[in-house]
PDB file of all heavy atoms in Angstrom:
ATOM      1  N   SER A   1       0.816  -1.248   0.061  1.00  0.00           N
ATOM      2  CA  SER A   1      -0.013   0.036   0.075  1.00  0.00           C
ATOM      3  C   SER A   1       0.876   1.280   0.004  1.00  0.00           C
ATOM      4  O   SER A   1       1.764   1.404   0.995  1.00  0.00           O
ATOM      5  CB  SER A   1      -0.901   0.026   1.204  1.00  0.00           C
ATOM      6  OG  SER A   1      -1.556   1.318   1.435  1.00  0.00           O
ATOM      7  N   VAL A   2       0.786   2.019  -1.037  1.00  0.00           N
ATOM      8  CA  VAL A   2       1.535   3.262  -1.134  1.00  0.00           C
ATOM      9  C   VAL A   2       1.060   4.132   0.008  1.00  0.00           C
ATOM     10  O   VAL A   2       1.939   4.885   0.684  1.00  0.00           O
ATOM     11  CB  VAL A   2       1.356   4.024  -2.436  1.00  0.00           C
ATOM     12  CG1 VAL A   2       1.827   5.375  -2.398  1.00  0.00           C
ATOM     13  CG2 VAL A   2       2.003   3.195  -3.619  1.00  0.00           C
ATOM     14  N   GLU A   3      -0.187   4.272   0.320  1.00  0.00           N
ATOM     15  CA  GLU A   3      -0.709   5.086   1.413  1.00  0.00           C
ATOM     16  C   GLU A   3       0.054   4.589   2.826  1.00  0.00           C
ATOM     17  O   GLU A   3       0.378   5.507   3.562  1.00  0.00           O
ATOM     18  CB  GLU A   3      -2.245   4.873   1.535  1.00  0.00           C
ATOM     19  CG  GLU A   3      -2.827   5.801   2.674  1.00  0.00           C
ATOM     20  CD  GLU A   3      -4.327   5.634   2.652  1.00  0.00           C
ATOM     21  OE1 GLU A   3      -4.984   5.211   1.604  1.00  0.00           O
ATOM     22  OE2 GLU A   3      -4.928   5.960   3.788  1.00  0.00           O
ATOM     23  N   TYR A   4      -0.016   3.394   3.006  1.00  0.00           N
ATOM     24  CA  TYR A   4       0.545   2.907   4.347  1.00  0.00           C
ATOM     25  C   TYR A   4       2.069   3.112   4.374  1.00  0.00           C
ATOM     26  O   TYR A   4       2.661   3.633   5.303  1.00  0.00           O
ATOM     27  CB  TYR A   4       0.304   1.395   4.505  1.00  0.00           C
ATOM     28  CG  TYR A   4       0.925   0.852   5.751  1.00  0.00           C
ATOM     29  CD1 TYR A   4       0.356   1.178   7.000  1.00  0.00           C
ATOM     30  CD2 TYR A   4       2.050   0.111   5.790  1.00  0.00           C
ATOM     31  CE1 TYR A   4       0.945   0.656   8.220  1.00  0.00           C
ATOM     32  CE2 TYR A   4       2.705  -0.390   6.925  1.00  0.00           C
ATOM     33  CZ  TYR A   4       2.070  -0.042   8.105  1.00  0.00           C
ATOM     34  OH  TYR A   4       2.649  -0.587   9.242  1.00  0.00           O
ATOM     35  N   ALA A   5       2.842   2.842   3.216  1.00  0.00           N
ATOM     36  CA  ALA A   5       4.202   3.165   3.176  1.00  0.00           C
ATOM     37  C   ALA A   5       4.541   4.515   3.354  1.00  0.00           C
ATOM     38  O   ALA A   5       5.506   4.858   4.075  1.00  0.00           O
ATOM     39  CB  ALA A   5       4.722   2.604   1.799  1.00  0.00           C
ATOM     40  N   SER A   6       3.794   5.426   2.780  1.00  0.00           N
ATOM     41  CA  SER A   6       3.962   6.773   2.981  1.00  0.00           C
ATOM     42  C   SER A   6       3.729   7.320   4.429  1.00  0.00           C
ATOM     43  O   SER A   6       4.390   8.067   5.023  1.00  0.00           O
ATOM     44  CB  SER A   6       3.021   7.567   2.005  1.00  0.00           C
ATOM     45  OG  SER A   6       3.344   7.389   0.675  1.00  0.00           O
ATOM     46  N   LYS A   7       2.708   6.776   5.064  1.00  0.00           N
ATOM     47  CA  LYS A   7       2.371   7.012   6.360  1.00  0.00           C
ATOM     48  C   LYS A   7       3.420   6.657   7.335  1.00  0.00           C
ATOM     49  O   LYS A   7       3.899   7.459   8.219  1.00  0.00           O
ATOM     50  CB  LYS A   7       1.080   6.396   6.849  1.00  0.00           C
ATOM     51  CG  LYS A   7       0.621   6.667   8.201  1.00  0.00           C
ATOM     52  CD  LYS A   7      -0.753   5.789   8.646  1.00  0.00           C
ATOM     53  CE  LYS A   7      -1.210   6.084   9.929  1.00  0.00           C
ATOM     54  NZ  LYS A   7      -0.364   5.808  10.993  1.00  0.00           N
ATOM     55  N   VAL A   8       4.011   5.450   7.263  1.00  0.00           N
ATOM     56  CA  VAL A   8       5.034   4.951   8.109  1.00  0.00           C
ATOM     57  C   VAL A   8       6.215   5.860   8.016  1.00  0.00           C
ATOM     58  O   VAL A   8       6.800   6.270   8.916  1.00  0.00           O
ATOM     59  CB  VAL A   8       5.381   3.392   7.804  1.00  0.00           C
ATOM     60  CG1 VAL A   8       6.607   3.023   8.426  1.00  0.00           C
ATOM     61  CG2 VAL A   8       4.341   2.515   8.131  1.00  0.00           C
ATOM     62  N   GLN A   9       6.689   6.159   6.778  1.00  0.00           N
ATOM     63  CA  GLN A   9       7.720   6.970   6.449  1.00  0.00           C
ATOM     64  C   GLN A   9       7.551   8.391   7.005  1.00  0.00           C
ATOM     65  O   GLN A   9       8.393   9.028   7.683  1.00  0.00           O
ATOM     66  CB  GLN A   9       8.109   7.065   5.026  1.00  0.00           C
ATOM     67  CG  GLN A   9       8.716   5.801   4.424  1.00  0.00           C
ATOM     68  CD  GLN A   9       8.949   5.808   3.011  1.00  0.00           C
ATOM     69  OE1 GLN A   9      10.037   6.237   2.622  1.00  0.00           O
ATOM     70  NE2 GLN A   9       7.843   5.443   2.227  1.00  0.00           N
ATOM     71  N   ARG A  10       6.343   8.965   6.794  1.00  0.00           N
ATOM     72  CA  ARG A  10       6.022  10.306   7.244  1.00  0.00           C
ATOM     73  C   ARG A  10       6.172  10.434   8.843  1.00  0.00           C
ATOM     74  O   ARG A  10       6.639  11.449   9.457  1.00  0.00           O
ATOM     75  CB  ARG A  10       4.711  10.683   6.737  1.00  0.00           C
ATOM     76  CG  ARG A  10       4.256  12.170   7.155  1.00  0.00           C
ATOM     77  CD  ARG A  10       2.885  12.488   6.729  1.00  0.00           C
ATOM     78  NE  ARG A  10       1.774  11.647   7.058  1.00  0.00           N
ATOM     79  CZ  ARG A  10       1.153  10.690   6.209  1.00  0.00           C
ATOM     80  NH1 ARG A  10       1.599  10.610   4.879  1.00  0.00           N
ATOM     81  NH2 ARG A  10       0.271   9.950   6.744  1.00  0.00           N
ATOM     82  N   GLU A  11       5.727   9.342   9.474  1.00  0.00           N
ATOM     83  CA  GLU A  11       5.691   9.497  11.010  1.00  0.00           C
ATOM     84  C   GLU A  11       7.019   8.799  11.630  1.00  0.00           C
ATOM     85  O   GLU A  11       6.996   8.839  12.823  1.00  0.00           O
ATOM     86  CB  GLU A  11       4.508   8.561  11.463  1.00  0.00           C
ATOM     87  CG  GLU A  11       3.238   9.318  10.995  1.00  0.00           C
ATOM     88  CD  GLU A  11       1.941   8.414  11.256  1.00  0.00           C
ATOM     89  OE1 GLU A  11       2.102   7.182  11.863  1.00  0.00           O
ATOM     90  OE2 GLU A  11       0.836   8.737  11.033  1.00  0.00           O
ATOM     91  N   SER A  12       7.916   8.420  10.817  1.00  0.00           N
ATOM     92  CA  SER A  12       9.129   7.695  11.232  1.00  0.00           C
ATOM     93  C   SER A  12      10.271   8.700  11.813  1.00  0.00           C
ATOM     94  O   SER A  12      10.587   9.491  11.081  1.00  0.00           O
ATOM     95  CB  SER A  12       9.698   6.739  10.262  1.00  0.00           C
ATOM     96  OG  SER A  12      10.890   6.291  10.753  1.00  0.00           O
ATOM     97  N   GLU A  13      10.720   8.509  12.960  1.00  0.00           N
ATOM     98  CA  GLU A  13      11.840   9.236  13.538  1.00  0.00           C
ATOM     99  C   GLU A  13      13.060   8.799  12.702  1.00  0.00           C
ATOM    100  O   GLU A  13      13.954   9.685  12.574  1.00  0.00           O
ATOM    101  CB  GLU A  13      11.971   8.935  15.107  1.00  0.00           C
ATOM    102  CG  GLU A  13      10.906   9.635  15.868  1.00  0.00           C
ATOM    103  CD  GLU A  13      11.142   9.391  17.255  1.00  0.00           C
ATOM    104  OE1 GLU A  13      12.182   9.062  17.702  1.00  0.00           O
ATOM    105  OE2 GLU A  13      10.097   9.432  18.101  1.00  0.00           O
ATOM    106  N   ILE A  14      13.181   7.553  12.394  1.00  0.00           N
ATOM    107  CA  ILE A  14      14.365   7.031  11.720  1.00  0.00           C
ATOM    108  C   ILE A  14      14.450   7.689  10.396  1.00  0.00           C
ATOM    109  O   ILE A  14      15.500   8.122   9.877  1.00  0.00           O
ATOM    110  CB  ILE A  14      14.365   5.437  11.606  1.00  0.00           C
ATOM    111  CG1 ILE A  14      14.410   4.880  12.959  1.00  0.00           C
ATOM    112  CG2 ILE A  14      15.460   5.192  10.629  1.00  0.00           C
ATOM    113  CD1 ILE A  14      15.753   5.071  13.697  1.00  0.00           C
ATOM    114  N   VAL A  15      13.325   7.745   9.667  1.00  0.00           N
ATOM    115  CA  VAL A  15      13.307   8.350   8.189  1.00  0.00           C
ATOM    116  C   VAL A  15      13.686   9.859   8.415  1.00  0.00           C
ATOM    117  O   VAL A  15      14.394  10.388   7.536  1.00  0.00           O
ATOM    118  CB  VAL A  15      11.973   8.208   7.593  1.00  0.00           C
ATOM    119  CG1 VAL A  15      11.850   8.916   6.328  1.00  0.00           C
ATOM    120  CG2 VAL A  15      11.836   6.659   7.291  1.00  0.00           C
ATOM    121  N   ALA A  16      13.113  10.456   9.414  1.00  0.00           N
ATOM    122  CA  ALA A  16      13.497  11.889   9.730  1.00  0.00           C
ATOM    123  C   ALA A  16      14.939  12.097   9.937  1.00  0.00           C
ATOM    124  O   ALA A  16      15.521  13.074   9.421  1.00  0.00           O
ATOM    125  CB  ALA A  16      12.697  12.491  10.850  1.00  0.00           C
ATOM    126  N   LYS A  17      15.506  11.210  10.697  1.00  0.00           N
ATOM    127  CA  LYS A  17      16.946  11.223  10.925  1.00  0.00           C
ATOM    128  C   LYS A  17      17.799  11.046   9.748  1.00  0.00           C
ATOM    129  O   LYS A  17      18.755  11.700   9.345  1.00  0.00           O
ATOM    130  CB  LYS A  17      17.335  10.160  12.013  1.00  0.00           C
ATOM    131  CG  LYS A  17      18.734  10.188  12.343  1.00  0.00           C
ATOM    132  CD  LYS A  17      18.926   9.145  13.516  1.00  0.00           C
ATOM    133  CE  LYS A  17      20.431   9.075  13.899  1.00  0.00           C
ATOM    134  NZ  LYS A  17      20.579   7.983  14.794  1.00  0.00           N
ATOM    135  N   TRP A  18      17.280  10.133   8.793  1.00  0.00           N
ATOM    136  CA  TRP A  18      18.000   9.841   7.589  1.00  0.00           C
ATOM    137  C   TRP A  18      17.777  11.060   6.619  1.00  0.00           C
ATOM    138  O   TRP A  18      18.848  11.467   6.015  1.00  0.00           O
ATOM    139  CB  TRP A  18      17.431   8.680   6.832  1.00  0.00           C
ATOM    140  CG  TRP A  18      17.973   8.334   5.504  1.00  0.00           C
ATOM    141  CD1 TRP A  18      17.496   8.687   4.312  1.00  0.00           C
ATOM    142  CD2 TRP A  18      19.174   7.698   5.266  1.00  0.00           C
ATOM    143  NE1 TRP A  18      18.287   8.192   3.313  1.00  0.00           N
ATOM    144  CE2 TRP A  18      19.416   7.631   3.836  1.00  0.00           C
ATOM    145  CE3 TRP A  18      20.143   7.020   6.101  1.00  0.00           C
ATOM    146  CZ2 TRP A  18      20.503   6.963   3.315  1.00  0.00           C
ATOM    147  CZ3 TRP A  18      21.232   6.484   5.475  1.00  0.00           C
ATOM    148  CH2 TRP A  18      21.454   6.403   4.028  1.00  0.00           C
ATOM    149  N   ASP A  19      16.651  11.615   6.634  1.00  0.00           N
ATOM    150  CA  ASP A  19      16.451  12.895   5.728  1.00  0.00           C
ATOM    151  C   ASP A  19      17.377  13.975   6.189  1.00  0.00           C
ATOM    152  O   ASP A  19      17.936  14.631   5.267  1.00  0.00           O
ATOM    153  CB  ASP A  19      14.952  13.309   5.853  1.00  0.00           C
ATOM    154  CG  ASP A  19      14.053  12.439   5.054  1.00  0.00           C
ATOM    155  OD1 ASP A  19      14.434  11.463   4.238  1.00  0.00           O
ATOM    156  OD2 ASP A  19      12.828  12.581   5.264  1.00  0.00           O
ATOM    157  N   ALA A  20      17.562  14.231   7.491  1.00  0.00           N
ATOM    158  CA  ALA A  20      18.481  15.163   7.982  1.00  0.00           C
ATOM    159  C   ALA A  20      19.872  14.880   7.593  1.00  0.00           C
ATOM    160  O   ALA A  20      20.722  15.695   7.159  1.00  0.00           O
ATOM    161  CB  ALA A  20      18.301  15.360   9.422  1.00  0.00           C
ATOM    162  N   TYR A  21      20.180  13.657   7.687  1.00  0.00           N
ATOM    163  CA  TYR A  21      21.576  13.107   7.324  1.00  0.00           C
ATOM    164  C   TYR A  21      21.886  13.287   5.762  1.00  0.00           C
ATOM    165  O   TYR A  21      23.018  13.623   5.415  1.00  0.00           O
ATOM    166  CB  TYR A  21      21.663  11.602   7.684  1.00  0.00           C
ATOM    167  CG  TYR A  21      23.002  10.870   7.269  1.00  0.00           C
ATOM    168  CD1 TYR A  21      24.193  11.337   7.613  1.00  0.00           C
ATOM    169  CD2 TYR A  21      22.939   9.856   6.386  1.00  0.00           C
ATOM    170  CE1 TYR A  21      25.436  10.640   7.250  1.00  0.00           C
ATOM    171  CE2 TYR A  21      24.008   9.106   6.122  1.00  0.00           C
ATOM    172  CZ  TYR A  21      25.307   9.470   6.600  1.00  0.00           C
ATOM    173  OH  TYR A  21      26.432   8.796   6.201  1.00  0.00           O
ATOM    174  N   MET A  22      20.891  13.223   4.961  1.00  0.00           N
ATOM    175  CA  MET A  22      21.126  13.397   3.556  1.00  0.00           C
ATOM    176  C   MET A  22      21.055  14.811   3.124  1.00  0.00           C
ATOM    177  O   MET A  22      21.216  15.170   1.895  1.00  0.00           O
ATOM    178  CB  MET A  22      20.065  12.465   2.823  1.00  0.00           C
ATOM    179  CG  MET A  22      20.299  11.050   3.097  1.00  0.00           C
ATOM    180  SD  MET A  22      21.811  10.376   2.590  1.00  0.00           S
ATOM    181  CE  MET A  22      21.666  10.502   0.771  1.00  0.00           C
ATOM    182  N   LYS A  23      20.495  15.755   3.885  1.00  0.00           N
ATOM    183  CA  LYS A  23      20.135  17.047   3.436  1.00  0.00           C
ATOM    184  C   LYS A  23      21.194  17.789   2.872  1.00  0.00           C
ATOM    185  O   LYS A  23      21.033  18.693   2.023  1.00  0.00           O
ATOM    186  CB  LYS A  23      19.584  17.782   4.652  1.00  0.00           C
ATOM    187  CG  LYS A  23      18.927  19.199   4.342  1.00  0.00           C
ATOM    188  CD  LYS A  23      18.230  19.773   5.571  1.00  0.00           C
ATOM    189  CE  LYS A  23      17.553  21.050   5.076  1.00  0.00           C
ATOM    190  NZ  LYS A  23      16.796  21.620   6.268  1.00  0.00           N
ATOM    191  N   ASP A  24      22.421  17.553   3.174  1.00  0.00           N
ATOM    192  CA  ASP A  24      23.671  18.384   2.737  1.00  0.00           C
ATOM    193  C   ASP A  24      23.961  17.916   1.320  1.00  0.00           C
ATOM    194  O   ASP A  24      24.692  18.680   0.565  1.00  0.00           O
ATOM    195  CB  ASP A  24      24.786  18.199   3.632  1.00  0.00           C
ATOM    196  CG  ASP A  24      25.313  16.762   3.737  1.00  0.00           C
ATOM    197  OD1 ASP A  24      24.592  15.753   3.696  1.00  0.00           O
ATOM    198  OD2 ASP A  24      26.593  16.632   3.758  1.00  0.00           O
ATOM    199  N   ILE A  25      23.422  16.814   0.837  1.00  0.00           N
ATOM    200  CA  ILE A  25      23.756  16.285  -0.597  1.00  0.00           C
ATOM    201  C   ILE A  25      22.598  16.232  -1.521  1.00  0.00           C
ATOM    202  O   ILE A  25      22.744  15.988  -2.700  1.00  0.00           O
ATOM    203  CB  ILE A  25      24.669  15.096  -0.634  1.00  0.00           C
ATOM    204  CG1 ILE A  25      23.844  13.838  -0.049  1.00  0.00           C
ATOM    205  CG2 ILE A  25      25.957  15.395   0.083  1.00  0.00           C
ATOM    206  CD1 ILE A  25      24.768  12.675  -0.065  1.00  0.00           C
ATOM    207  N   LEU A  26      21.451  16.162  -0.891  1.00  0.00           N
ATOM    208  CA  LEU A  26      20.184  15.833  -1.716  1.00  0.00           C
ATOM    209  C   LEU A  26      19.277  16.999  -1.743  1.00  0.00           C
ATOM    210  O   LEU A  26      19.018  17.681  -0.810  1.00  0.00           O
ATOM    211  CB  LEU A  26      19.356  14.707  -0.800  1.00  0.00           C
ATOM    212  CG  LEU A  26      18.202  14.064  -1.545  1.00  0.00           C
ATOM    213  CD1 LEU A  26      18.591  13.425  -2.857  1.00  0.00           C
ATOM    214  CD2 LEU A  26      17.527  13.054  -0.611  1.00  0.00           C
ATOM    215  N   ILE A  27      18.747  17.217  -2.965  1.00  0.00           N
ATOM    216  CA  ILE A  27      17.724  18.246  -3.260  1.00  0.00           C
ATOM    217  C   ILE A  27      16.392  17.470  -3.426  1.00  0.00           C
ATOM    218  O   ILE A  27      16.257  16.933  -4.621  1.00  0.00           O
ATOM    219  CB  ILE A  27      18.086  19.123  -4.487  1.00  0.00           C
ATOM    220  CG1 ILE A  27      19.472  19.708  -4.216  1.00  0.00           C
ATOM    221  CG2 ILE A  27      17.006  20.165  -4.708  1.00  0.00           C
ATOM    222  CD1 ILE A  27      20.079  20.214  -5.551  1.00  0.00           C
TER     223      ILE A  27
END
């Protein structure tokens, strides 16, 4: 389910941490 996968990622502290880690190289 794209809806479920998106929800898990949106609410995830781990994904937020990964996004912050990638922010310096990713647009």
